[in-house]
Amino acid sequence: MMATILSGVTWTIALSLTALAIGIILGGVLCAMRTSGVALLDFAATVLILAFRSVPPIVWLFLIYFGIGSGIVQVSPFQAAAIGLGLITGANMAEIFRGSLKAIHPGQGEAARALSMPPVWRMVDVIIPQLMRISLPSVVSYGIGLLKDTAIASTIGVPEIAFKASHVSQVTFRGLESFAFAGALYILLSVPIALASREIDQRLRARVAK
């Protein structure tokens, strides 16, 4: 029983990382659109963020897998789940990044301009490092939540932890043990991420303090 459920860990981690990667990239693009100062781009990004966040995750997965995937573009359950969760993650990452940008003191950019730094290097050397430090706790917290949200992918057949636990419970009629073990696995996966995030955040703060 345990071995079967454990086999879903790889799928859970892979789906979490893939959706998070898609979300970070998409979130960066949406954040850039929101803060571009161009009204049309700001409006388009706002509409996309609202749409991605307003529709429940399971609806996005069904729409992509059973809707688009059944007649337009063939997608696997994993691809549909990664795209669906990635879209929602991107919308949330955009708001996290935008909030972090607002937390950066305006004097940082002004000082970089006073030193005649090119815009690209101002962003790379001044803005992005501070953005990463400020947004890290929120990004990690969302990542842990995303790890748990991957259980939704079991509804379209992704063989992650929840899917395996459900299968085992149906075969063995030991639902309590199966899902309790699955819950323990989610905790074991989440705790190291939280501890690592805290350690990295403390090191970044110590570096800034110097």
Protein backbone atom coordinates (compact mmCIF):
# COMPACT_ATOMS: atom_id res chain seq x y z
CA MET A 1 0.00 0.00 0.00
CA MET A 2 2.65 2.53 1.02
CA ALA A 3 4.83 1.76 -1.98
CA THR A 4 1.95 2.45 -4.35
CA ILE A 5 1.16 5.81 -2.76
CA LEU A 6 4.84 6.70 -2.61
CA SER A 7 5.05 6.23 -6.37
CA GLY A 8 2.87 9.31 -6.70
CA VAL A 9 5.42 11.57 -5.01
CA THR A 10 7.46 11.99 -8.19
CA TRP A 11 4.38 13.09 -10.12
CA THR A 12 3.37 15.52 -7.35
CA ILE A 13 6.80 17.14 -7.25
CA ALA A 14 7.09 17.28 -11.03
CA LEU A 15 3.66 18.85 -11.41
CA SER A 16 4.33 21.38 -8.64
CA LEU A 17 7.66 22.47 -10.12
CA THR A 18 6.31 22.65 -13.67
CA ALA A 19 3.27 24.70 -12.67
CA LEU A 20 5.42 26.96 -10.50
CA ALA A 21 7.91 27.54 -13.33
CA ILE A 22 5.09 28.39 -15.74
CA GLY A 23 3.56 30.65 -13.11
CA ILE A 24 6.77 32.55 -12.36
CA ILE A 25 7.44 33.23 -16.04
CA LEU A 26 3.83 34.18 -16.77
CA GLY A 27 3.65 36.20 -13.56
CA GLY A 28 6.73 38.18 -14.55
CA VAL A 29 5.18 39.00 -17.93
CA LEU A 30 1.83 40.00 -16.41
CA CYS A 31 3.56 42.09 -13.76
CA ALA A 32 5.58 43.88 -16.44
CA MET A 33 2.37 44.59 -18.32
CA ARG A 34 0.65 45.92 -15.18
CA THR A 35 3.55 48.24 -14.36
CA SER A 36 4.42 49.28 -17.93
CA GLY A 37 2.47 52.51 -17.77
CA VAL A 38 0.69 51.58 -21.02
CA ALA A 39 -3.06 51.63 -20.40
CA LEU A 40 -3.87 48.89 -22.93
CA LEU A 41 -1.28 46.48 -21.52
CA ASP A 42 -2.37 47.26 -17.97
CA PHE A 43 -6.01 46.57 -18.87
CA ALA A 44 -5.19 43.33 -20.71
CA ALA A 45 -3.09 42.05 -17.78
CA THR A 46 -5.80 42.99 -15.28
CA VAL A 47 -8.44 41.09 -17.25
CA LEU A 48 -6.22 37.98 -17.54
CA ILE A 49 -5.32 38.03 -13.86
CA LEU A 50 -8.96 38.39 -12.87
CA ALA A 51 -9.99 35.55 -15.20
CA PHE A 52 -7.26 33.17 -14.05
CA ARG A 53 -7.98 33.82 -10.36
CA SER A 54 -11.78 33.86 -10.53
CA VAL A 55 -12.31 30.47 -12.17
CA PRO A 56 -11.85 27.48 -9.79
CA PRO A 57 -8.75 25.35 -10.52
CA ILE A 58 -10.78 22.21 -11.21
CA VAL A 59 -12.78 24.09 -13.85
CA TRP A 60 -9.59 25.17 -15.60
CA LEU A 61 -8.31 21.58 -15.60
CA PHE A 62 -11.59 20.25 -17.02
CA LEU A 63 -11.74 23.06 -19.59
CA ILE A 64 -8.22 22.34 -20.82
CA TYR A 65 -8.31 18.53 -20.66
CA PHE A 66 -11.91 17.71 -21.61
CA GLY A 67 -12.57 20.85 -23.64
CA ILE A 68 -9.51 21.98 -25.57
CA GLY A 69 -7.74 18.63 -25.23
CA SER A 70 -10.62 16.58 -26.63
CA GLY A 71 -11.06 18.34 -29.93
CA ILE A 72 -8.53 21.10 -30.58
CA VAL A 73 -5.07 20.16 -29.27
CA GLN A 74 -4.27 16.77 -27.79
CA VAL A 75 -2.91 17.14 -24.26
CA SER A 76 -2.06 14.58 -21.61
CA PRO A 77 -3.52 14.77 -18.10
CA PHE A 78 -0.16 16.00 -16.78
CA GLN A 79 0.10 18.73 -19.43
CA ALA A 80 -3.46 19.88 -18.81
CA ALA A 81 -2.88 20.03 -15.06
CA ALA A 82 0.44 21.87 -15.45
CA ILE A 83 -1.08 24.44 -17.78
CA GLY A 84 -4.21 24.95 -15.68
CA LEU A 85 -2.34 25.30 -12.39
CA GLY A 86 0.35 27.34 -14.16
CA LEU A 87 -2.20 29.91 -15.34
CA ILE A 88 -3.58 30.36 -11.84
CA THR A 89 -0.08 30.50 -10.38
CA GLY A 90 0.92 33.11 -12.96
CA ALA A 91 -1.95 35.38 -11.94
CA ASN A 92 -1.01 35.11 -8.27
CA MET A 93 2.70 35.54 -8.95
CA ALA A 94 1.95 38.72 -10.91
CA GLU A 95 0.26 40.23 -7.86
CA ILE A 96 3.05 39.05 -5.56
CA PHE A 97 5.70 40.59 -7.81
CA ARG A 98 3.74 43.82 -8.20
CA GLY A 99 3.35 44.16 -4.45
CA SER A 100 7.06 43.46 -3.97
CA LEU A 101 7.97 46.14 -6.52
CA LYS A 102 5.93 48.67 -4.59
CA ALA A 103 7.83 47.69 -1.42
CA ILE A 104 11.17 48.65 -2.98
CA HIS A 105 12.10 52.18 -1.94
CA PRO A 106 11.95 54.59 -4.90
CA GLY A 107 15.35 55.92 -3.87
CA GLN A 108 16.94 52.68 -5.08
CA GLY A 109 15.98 53.37 -8.68
CA GLU A 110 16.81 57.06 -8.36
CA ALA A 111 20.28 56.24 -7.05
CA ALA A 112 20.87 53.84 -9.93
CA ARG A 113 19.78 56.51 -12.44
CA ALA A 114 22.06 59.04 -10.72
CA LEU A 115 24.94 56.66 -11.35
CA SER A 116 23.95 56.58 -15.05
CA MET A 117 23.26 52.86 -14.98
CA PRO A 118 21.53 51.62 -18.15
CA PRO A 119 17.89 50.56 -17.62
CA VAL A 120 18.71 46.88 -18.16
CA TRP A 121 21.45 46.88 -15.55
CA ARG A 122 19.30 48.89 -13.13
CA MET A 123 16.78 46.10 -13.35
CA VAL A 124 19.33 43.25 -13.15
CA ASP A 125 21.63 44.67 -10.46
CA VAL A 126 19.26 46.74 -8.33
CA ILE A 127 15.59 45.90 -8.76
CA ILE A 128 15.49 42.14 -9.36
CA PRO A 129 17.72 41.14 -6.38
CA GLN A 130 15.52 43.16 -4.02
CA LEU A 131 12.38 41.87 -5.70
CA MET A 132 13.55 38.29 -5.12
CA ARG A 133 14.31 38.94 -1.46
CA ILE A 134 11.00 40.66 -0.75
CA SER A 135 8.83 38.23 -2.69
CA LEU A 136 10.57 35.01 -1.55
CA PRO A 137 8.39 34.31 1.54
CA SER A 138 5.17 34.85 -0.44
CA VAL A 139 6.40 32.78 -3.39
CA VAL A 140 7.40 29.89 -1.13
CA SER A 141 4.12 30.04 0.80
CA TYR A 142 2.23 29.90 -2.47
CA GLY A 143 4.47 27.07 -3.67
CA ILE A 144 3.58 25.00 -0.61
CA GLY A 145 -0.09 25.66 -1.28
CA LEU A 146 0.45 24.67 -4.91
CA LEU A 147 2.00 21.40 -3.76
CA LYS A 148 -1.24 20.57 -1.99
CA ASP A 149 -3.39 21.85 -4.86
CA THR A 150 -1.85 19.26 -7.18
CA ALA A 151 -4.30 16.81 -5.59
CA ILE A 152 -6.91 18.36 -7.89
CA ALA A 153 -5.05 16.82 -10.82
CA SER A 154 -6.20 13.40 -9.64
CA THR A 155 -9.64 14.24 -11.10
CA ILE A 156 -8.24 14.06 -14.64
CA GLY A 157 -6.03 11.04 -14.06
CA VAL A 158 -2.61 12.40 -13.08
CA PRO A 159 -1.13 9.61 -10.92
CA GLU A 160 0.04 11.85 -8.08
CA ILE A 161 -0.28 11.18 -4.34
CA ALA A 162 -4.02 11.75 -3.98
CA PHE A 163 -4.77 9.66 -7.09
CA LYS A 164 -2.68 6.77 -5.78
CA ALA A 165 -4.24 7.02 -2.32
CA SER A 166 -7.72 6.93 -3.84
CA HIS A 167 -6.80 3.90 -5.93
CA VAL A 168 -5.38 2.04 -2.94
CA SER A 169 -8.43 2.84 -0.80
CA GLN A 170 -10.76 1.49 -3.46
CA VAL A 171 -8.77 -1.72 -3.87
CA THR A 172 -8.05 -2.43 -0.20
CA PHE A 173 -11.06 -0.71 1.42
CA ARG A 174 -8.60 0.93 3.83
CA GLY A 175 -9.45 4.55 3.15
CA LEU A 176 -8.40 5.92 6.55
CA GLU A 177 -4.89 4.48 6.35
CA SER A 178 -4.47 5.37 2.68
CA PHE A 179 -5.43 9.03 2.96
CA ALA A 180 -3.72 9.47 6.33
CA PHE A 181 -0.48 8.28 4.75
CA ALA A 182 -1.07 10.60 1.78
CA GLY A 183 -1.58 13.52 4.16
CA ALA A 184 1.65 12.66 5.98
CA LEU A 185 3.49 12.70 2.65
CA TYR A 186 2.21 16.20 1.87
CA ILE A 187 3.46 17.36 5.27
CA LEU A 188 6.85 15.72 4.78
CA LEU A 189 7.21 17.44 1.42
CA SER A 190 6.10 20.85 2.69
CA VAL A 191 8.15 21.16 5.89
CA PRO A 192 11.64 21.01 4.27
CA ILE A 193 10.58 23.65 1.74
CA ALA A 194 9.41 25.98 4.51
CA LEU A 195 12.60 25.45 6.53
CA ALA A 196 14.83 26.01 3.50
CA SER A 197 12.92 29.17 2.63
CA ARG A 198 13.37 30.53 6.16
CA GLU A 199 17.10 29.83 6.05
CA ILE A 200 17.53 31.53 2.66
CA ASP A 201 15.45 34.53 3.79
CA GLN A 202 17.57 34.95 6.92
CA ARG A 203 20.77 34.82 4.89
CA LEU A 204 19.48 37.40 2.42
CA ARG A 205 18.42 39.71 5.24
CA ALA A 206 21.82 39.32 6.92
CA ARG A 207 23.56 40.14 3.64
CA VAL A 208 21.44 43.26 3.20
CA ALA A 209 22.10 44.32 6.81
CA LYS A 210 25.83 44.31 6.13
